[in-house]
Amino acid sequence: MARIVILEEKSPLKIEINGIVRSICRCGLSKNFPICDATHKTIVEEDGKIYKYVNGEKKEIDLNRLFQEELK
């Protein structure tokens, strides 16, 4: 089963467990997910646009085309 998950955060969540600080990925792009590897710092995305990532490749989603296909 496949799911579409929308992640909008651009920074990790810092948590401390037993005195050890960890960064939890909230962008979904970390190669070490759920641990942040700072990949979010290397990605350039424009506000108001939606992107999908397949095997690390970024593609912008054309919402007009997406919704036209759903209406067919």
C-alpha atoms as a PDB file:
ATOM      1  CA  MET A   1       0.000   0.000   0.000  1.00  0.00           C
ATOM      2  CA  ALA A   2       1.278   3.499  -0.833  1.00  0.00           C
ATOM      3  CA  ARG A   3       0.602   6.730   1.033  1.00  0.00           C
ATOM      4  CA  ILE A   4       1.037  10.391   0.270  1.00  0.00           C
ATOM      5  CA  VAL A   5       2.459  12.154   3.306  1.00  0.00           C
ATOM      6  CA  ILE A   6       2.883  15.928   3.323  1.00  0.00           C
ATOM      7  CA  LEU A   7       5.761  17.224   5.432  1.00  0.00           C
ATOM      8  CA  GLU A   8       6.158  21.000   5.613  1.00  0.00           C
ATOM      9  CA  GLU A   9       8.775  21.483   8.305  1.00  0.00           C
ATOM     10  CA  LYS A  10      12.205  22.776   7.345  1.00  0.00           C
ATOM     11  CA  SER A  11      14.075  21.993  10.549  1.00  0.00           C
ATOM     12  CA  PRO A  12      14.439  19.059  12.955  1.00  0.00           C
ATOM     13  CA  LEU A  13      12.831  18.552  16.336  1.00  0.00           C
ATOM     14  CA  LYS A  14      15.462  18.507  19.095  1.00  0.00           C
ATOM     15  CA  ILE A  15      14.769  16.054  21.899  1.00  0.00           C
ATOM     16  CA  GLU A  16      16.801  14.997  24.915  1.00  0.00           C
ATOM     17  CA  ILE A  17      16.731  11.466  26.278  1.00  0.00           C
ATOM     18  CA  ASN A  18      18.866  10.553  29.262  1.00  0.00           C
ATOM     19  CA  GLY A  19      21.056  13.607  28.665  1.00  0.00           C
ATOM     20  CA  ILE A  20      21.640  12.804  24.966  1.00  0.00           C
ATOM     21  CA  VAL A  21      20.307  15.363  22.456  1.00  0.00           C
ATOM     22  CA  ARG A  22      18.899  13.950  19.212  1.00  0.00           C
ATOM     23  CA  SER A  23      17.531  15.717  16.153  1.00  0.00           C
ATOM     24  CA  ILE A  24      14.403  14.118  14.722  1.00  0.00           C
ATOM     25  CA  CYS A  25      13.793  14.655  10.995  1.00  0.00           C
ATOM     26  CA  ARG A  26      10.613  16.558  10.172  1.00  0.00           C
ATOM     27  CA  CYS A  27      11.236  17.200   6.460  1.00  0.00           C
ATOM     28  CA  GLY A  28      11.213  13.506   5.544  1.00  0.00           C
ATOM     29  CA  LEU A  29      14.321  13.716   3.348  1.00  0.00           C
ATOM     30  CA  SER A  30      16.960  12.378   5.744  1.00  0.00           C
ATOM     31  CA  LYS A  31      18.817   9.299   4.555  1.00  0.00           C
ATOM     32  CA  ASN A  32      18.928   8.310   8.254  1.00  0.00           C
ATOM     33  CA  PHE A  33      15.193   8.882   8.877  1.00  0.00           C
ATOM     34  CA  PRO A  34      13.927   9.345  11.547  1.00  0.00           C
ATOM     35  CA  ILE A  35      17.270  10.849  12.632  1.00  0.00           C
ATOM     36  CA  CYS A  36      18.038  14.201  10.971  1.00  0.00           C
ATOM     37  CA  ASP A  37      21.132  14.274   8.748  1.00  0.00           C
ATOM     38  CA  ALA A  38      20.694  17.981   7.808  1.00  0.00           C
ATOM     39  CA  THR A  39      19.546  17.209   4.247  1.00  0.00           C
ATOM     40  CA  HIS A  40      16.949  19.987   4.691  1.00  0.00           C
ATOM     41  CA  LYS A  41      19.813  22.512   4.556  1.00  0.00           C
ATOM     42  CA  THR A  42      20.763  21.417   1.020  1.00  0.00           C
ATOM     43  CA  ILE A  43      17.263  21.568  -0.519  1.00  0.00           C
ATOM     44  CA  VAL A  44      15.938  24.707  -2.216  1.00  0.00           C
ATOM     45  CA  GLU A  45      12.137  24.864  -2.307  1.00  0.00           C
ATOM     46  CA  GLU A  46       9.845  27.796  -3.040  1.00  0.00           C
ATOM     47  CA  ASP A  47       7.054  28.618  -0.605  1.00  0.00           C
ATOM     48  CA  GLY A  48       3.610  27.895  -2.009  1.00  0.00           C
ATOM     49  CA  LYS A  49       4.797  25.068  -4.262  1.00  0.00           C
ATOM     50  CA  ILE A  50       4.471  21.336  -3.709  1.00  0.00           C
ATOM     51  CA  TYR A  51       7.235  18.887  -4.522  1.00  0.00           C
ATOM     52  CA  LYS A  52       7.523  15.141  -4.614  1.00  0.00           C
ATOM     53  CA  TYR A  53      10.755  13.237  -4.121  1.00  0.00           C
ATOM     54  CA  VAL A  54      11.361   9.915  -5.806  1.00  0.00           C
ATOM     55  CA  ASN A  55      14.693   8.204  -5.138  1.00  0.00           C
ATOM     56  CA  GLY A  56      16.120  11.539  -4.018  1.00  0.00           C
ATOM     57  CA  GLU A  57      15.029  13.397  -7.160  1.00  0.00           C
ATOM     58  CA  LYS A  58      12.862  16.496  -6.636  1.00  0.00           C
ATOM     59  CA  LYS A  59       9.926  17.174  -8.963  1.00  0.00           C
ATOM     60  CA  GLU A  60       7.432  20.025  -8.705  1.00  0.00           C
ATOM     61  CA  ILE A  61       3.802  18.955  -8.730  1.00  0.00           C
ATOM     62  CA  ASP A  62       1.513  20.832 -11.129  1.00  0.00           C
ATOM     63  CA  LEU A  63      -1.652  21.110  -9.035  1.00  0.00           C
ATOM     64  CA  ASN A  64      -3.841  22.175 -11.972  1.00  0.00           C
ATOM     65  CA  ARG A  65      -2.879  19.048 -13.902  1.00  0.00           C
ATOM     66  CA  LEU A  66      -3.231  16.866 -10.807  1.00  0.00           C
ATOM     67  CA  PHE A  67      -6.794  17.978 -10.139  1.00  0.00           C
ATOM     68  CA  GLN A  68      -7.807  17.779 -13.811  1.00  0.00           C
ATOM     69  CA  GLU A  69      -6.700  14.128 -13.849  1.00  0.00           C
ATOM     70  CA  GLU A  70      -8.707  13.414 -10.684  1.00  0.00           C
ATOM     71  CA  LEU A  71     -11.861  14.857 -12.266  1.00  0.00           C
ATOM     72  CA  LYS A  72     -11.716  12.501 -15.282  1.00  0.00           C
END
